[in-house]
Amino acid sequence: MKKQAVLNNTNICKTRILAIKDSMEILSGKWKFHILGTLMQGGKMRFMDLLREVDGIAPKMLSKELQDLEVNQLISRTVCNTKPVTVEYEITGFGQTLSPIIEEIAKWGISYRSALLNK
């Protein structure tokens, strides 16, 4: 007979697990944090500027990730009425709320790398 879950069976825990699952789905992937961090530091940026800044990303992947971030309202896309047409991306107010999280992840990564190198 299978044991019943005790810790993960409370309403608070179920809500937290669902929230973490949602967050991970929206932010998963190799590039999203890099793109968000770049836009937080750089402000409004054009596609080619982002392509240059996000080292190693392919244009097709950048386009896909930007679309995902826009759908999830973390960035905004503005088509400028210029010749040729230019598109600018910037972090939204909601996307900006990720700034402390990205900062903490960066700090953790620095500590982790340092700990590994000092063994």
C-alpha atoms as a PDB file:
ATOM      1  CA  MET A   1       0.000   0.000   0.000  1.00  0.00           C
ATOM      2  CA  LYS A   2       1.303   3.443  -0.984  1.00  0.00           C
ATOM      3  CA  LYS A   3       1.900   5.996   1.776  1.00  0.00           C
ATOM      4  CA  GLN A   4      -0.092   9.233   1.665  1.00  0.00           C
ATOM      5  CA  ALA A   5       1.901  12.471   1.242  1.00  0.00           C
ATOM      6  CA  VAL A   6       1.981  14.505   4.426  1.00  0.00           C
ATOM      7  CA  LEU A   7       4.021  17.656   3.702  1.00  0.00           C
ATOM      8  CA  ASN A   8       2.863  18.293   0.162  1.00  0.00           C
ATOM      9  CA  ASN A   9      -0.781  17.677   0.934  1.00  0.00           C
ATOM     10  CA  THR A  10      -1.571  20.995   2.649  1.00  0.00           C
ATOM     11  CA  ASN A  11      -3.313  23.797   0.739  1.00  0.00           C
ATOM     12  CA  ILE A  12      -0.411  26.194   1.341  1.00  0.00           C
ATOM     13  CA  CYS A  13       2.086  23.676   0.020  1.00  0.00           C
ATOM     14  CA  LYS A  14      -0.044  22.840  -3.017  1.00  0.00           C
ATOM     15  CA  THR A  15      -0.318  26.550  -3.834  1.00  0.00           C
ATOM     16  CA  ARG A  16       3.458  27.016  -3.505  1.00  0.00           C
ATOM     17  CA  ILE A  17       4.213  23.970  -5.651  1.00  0.00           C
ATOM     18  CA  LEU A  18       1.819  25.201  -8.351  1.00  0.00           C
ATOM     19  CA  ALA A  19       3.394  28.687  -8.212  1.00  0.00           C
ATOM     20  CA  ILE A  20       6.906  27.242  -8.538  1.00  0.00           C
ATOM     21  CA  LYS A  21       5.777  25.046 -11.430  1.00  0.00           C
ATOM     22  CA  ASP A  22       4.250  28.065 -13.215  1.00  0.00           C
ATOM     23  CA  SER A  23       7.403  30.133 -12.635  1.00  0.00           C
ATOM     24  CA  MET A  24       9.675  27.398 -13.932  1.00  0.00           C
ATOM     25  CA  GLU A  25       7.551  26.942 -17.067  1.00  0.00           C
ATOM     26  CA  ILE A  26       7.671  30.662 -17.860  1.00  0.00           C
ATOM     27  CA  LEU A  27      11.384  31.105 -17.094  1.00  0.00           C
ATOM     28  CA  SER A  28      12.759  27.741 -18.198  1.00  0.00           C
ATOM     29  CA  GLY A  29      15.330  27.452 -20.910  1.00  0.00           C
ATOM     30  CA  LYS A  30      18.918  28.373 -21.436  1.00  0.00           C
ATOM     31  CA  TRP A  31      18.391  31.964 -22.586  1.00  0.00           C
ATOM     32  CA  LYS A  32      15.485  33.656 -20.828  1.00  0.00           C
ATOM     33  CA  PHE A  33      17.387  34.867 -17.767  1.00  0.00           C
ATOM     34  CA  HIS A  34      20.202  36.100 -19.989  1.00  0.00           C
ATOM     35  CA  ILE A  35      17.772  38.036 -22.198  1.00  0.00           C
ATOM     36  CA  LEU A  36      15.911  39.495 -19.213  1.00  0.00           C
ATOM     37  CA  GLY A  37      19.145  40.490 -17.483  1.00  0.00           C
ATOM     38  CA  THR A  38      20.431  42.121 -20.655  1.00  0.00           C
ATOM     39  CA  LEU A  39      17.244  44.148 -21.083  1.00  0.00           C
ATOM     40  CA  MET A  40      17.309  45.153 -17.410  1.00  0.00           C
ATOM     41  CA  GLN A  41      20.844  46.482 -17.818  1.00  0.00           C
ATOM     42  CA  GLY A  42      20.529  47.888 -21.335  1.00  0.00           C
ATOM     43  CA  GLY A  43      17.028  49.351 -21.396  1.00  0.00           C
ATOM     44  CA  LYS A  44      15.332  49.428 -24.815  1.00  0.00           C
ATOM     45  CA  MET A  45      17.218  47.300 -27.309  1.00  0.00           C
ATOM     46  CA  ARG A  46      16.774  46.292 -30.915  1.00  0.00           C
ATOM     47  CA  PHE A  47      16.848  42.684 -32.052  1.00  0.00           C
ATOM     48  CA  MET A  48      20.375  42.881 -33.493  1.00  0.00           C
ATOM     49  CA  ASP A  49      21.675  44.562 -30.335  1.00  0.00           C
ATOM     50  CA  LEU A  50      20.254  41.707 -28.267  1.00  0.00           C
ATOM     51  CA  LEU A  51      21.742  39.189 -30.675  1.00  0.00           C
ATOM     52  CA  ARG A  52      25.185  40.737 -30.151  1.00  0.00           C
ATOM     53  CA  GLU A  53      24.810  40.926 -26.364  1.00  0.00           C
ATOM     54  CA  VAL A  54      23.455  37.421 -25.726  1.00  0.00           C
ATOM     55  CA  ASP A  55      26.573  35.486 -26.615  1.00  0.00           C
ATOM     56  CA  GLY A  56      25.951  32.217 -28.454  1.00  0.00           C
ATOM     57  CA  ILE A  57      22.225  32.508 -29.143  1.00  0.00           C
ATOM     58  CA  ALA A  58      20.989  31.869 -32.693  1.00  0.00           C
ATOM     59  CA  PRO A  59      18.649  34.424 -34.313  1.00  0.00           C
ATOM     60  CA  LYS A  60      15.810  31.893 -34.545  1.00  0.00           C
ATOM     61  CA  MET A  61      16.131  30.995 -30.851  1.00  0.00           C
ATOM     62  CA  LEU A  62      16.296  34.666 -29.819  1.00  0.00           C
ATOM     63  CA  SER A  63      13.128  35.345 -31.792  1.00  0.00           C
ATOM     64  CA  LYS A  64      11.334  32.409 -30.127  1.00  0.00           C
ATOM     65  CA  GLU A  65      12.457  33.391 -26.624  1.00  0.00           C
ATOM     66  CA  LEU A  66      11.446  37.027 -27.178  1.00  0.00           C
ATOM     67  CA  GLN A  67       7.996  35.883 -28.319  1.00  0.00           C
ATOM     68  CA  ASP A  68       7.619  33.693 -25.206  1.00  0.00           C
ATOM     69  CA  LEU A  69       8.680  36.535 -22.916  1.00  0.00           C
ATOM     70  CA  GLU A  70       6.283  38.920 -24.658  1.00  0.00           C
ATOM     71  CA  VAL A  71       3.354  36.477 -24.405  1.00  0.00           C
ATOM     72  CA  ASN A  72       4.073  36.184 -20.677  1.00  0.00           C
ATOM     73  CA  GLN A  73       4.166  40.008 -20.379  1.00  0.00           C
ATOM     74  CA  LEU A  74       7.756  40.142 -19.139  1.00  0.00           C
ATOM     75  CA  ILE A  75       8.936  42.239 -22.090  1.00  0.00           C
ATOM     76  CA  SER A  76       7.225  44.557 -24.539  1.00  0.00           C
ATOM     77  CA  ARG A  77       7.804  44.796 -28.276  1.00  0.00           C
ATOM     78  CA  THR A  78       7.476  48.123 -30.073  1.00  0.00           C
ATOM     79  CA  VAL A  79       7.465  48.388 -33.865  1.00  0.00           C
ATOM     80  CA  CYS A  80       8.937  51.758 -34.821  1.00  0.00           C
ATOM     81  CA  ASN A  81       7.604  53.602 -37.859  1.00  0.00           C
ATOM     82  CA  THR A  82      10.984  53.940 -39.587  1.00  0.00           C
ATOM     83  CA  LYS A  83      12.447  52.884 -42.896  1.00  0.00           C
ATOM     84  CA  PRO A  84      13.455  50.109 -42.620  1.00  0.00           C
ATOM     85  CA  VAL A  85      11.068  49.104 -39.864  1.00  0.00           C
ATOM     86  CA  THR A  86      12.833  48.604 -36.547  1.00  0.00           C
ATOM     87  CA  VAL A  87      11.600  46.702 -33.516  1.00  0.00           C
ATOM     88  CA  GLU A  88      12.592  47.546 -29.947  1.00  0.00           C
ATOM     89  CA  TYR A  89      12.257  45.351 -26.890  1.00  0.00           C
ATOM     90  CA  GLU A  90      12.191  46.439 -23.277  1.00  0.00           C
ATOM     91  CA  ILE A  91      11.434  44.953 -19.917  1.00  0.00           C
ATOM     92  CA  THR A  92       7.910  45.583 -18.597  1.00  0.00           C
ATOM     93  CA  GLY A  93       7.087  46.709 -15.084  1.00  0.00           C
ATOM     94  CA  PHE A  94       6.046  43.149 -14.311  1.00  0.00           C
ATOM     95  CA  GLY A  95       9.272  41.821 -15.812  1.00  0.00           C
ATOM     96  CA  GLN A  96      11.219  44.277 -13.659  1.00  0.00           C
ATOM     97  CA  THR A  97       9.904  42.485 -10.571  1.00  0.00           C
ATOM     98  CA  LEU A  98      12.289  39.655 -11.490  1.00  0.00           C
ATOM     99  CA  SER A  99      15.299  41.922 -10.927  1.00  0.00           C
ATOM    100  CA  PRO A 100      15.942  40.894  -7.286  1.00  0.00           C
ATOM    101  CA  ILE A 101      15.553  37.235  -8.205  1.00  0.00           C
ATOM    102  CA  ILE A 102      18.036  37.508 -11.085  1.00  0.00           C
ATOM    103  CA  GLU A 103      20.439  39.403  -8.810  1.00  0.00           C
ATOM    104  CA  GLU A 104      20.234  36.669  -6.154  1.00  0.00           C
ATOM    105  CA  ILE A 105      20.742  33.920  -8.745  1.00  0.00           C
ATOM    106  CA  ALA A 106      23.837  35.774  -9.991  1.00  0.00           C
ATOM    107  CA  LYS A 107      25.184  36.094  -6.429  1.00  0.00           C
ATOM    108  CA  TRP A 108      24.546  32.412  -5.788  1.00  0.00           C
ATOM    109  CA  GLY A 109      26.294  31.471  -9.038  1.00  0.00           C
ATOM    110  CA  ILE A 110      29.348  33.551  -8.112  1.00  0.00           C
ATOM    111  CA  SER A 111      29.498  31.916  -4.666  1.00  0.00           C
ATOM    112  CA  TYR A 112      29.041  28.467  -6.123  1.00  0.00           C
ATOM    113  CA  ARG A 113      31.783  28.919  -8.732  1.00  0.00           C
ATOM    114  CA  SER A 114      34.093  30.330  -6.067  1.00  0.00           C
ATOM    115  CA  ALA A 115      33.411  27.391  -3.737  1.00  0.00           C
ATOM    116  CA  LEU A 116      34.196  24.911  -6.515  1.00  0.00           C
ATOM    117  CA  LEU A 117      37.435  26.633  -7.455  1.00  0.00           C
ATOM    118  CA  ASN A 118      38.634  26.869  -3.838  1.00  0.00           C
ATOM    119  CA  LYS A 119      38.296  23.159  -3.070  1.00  0.00           C
END
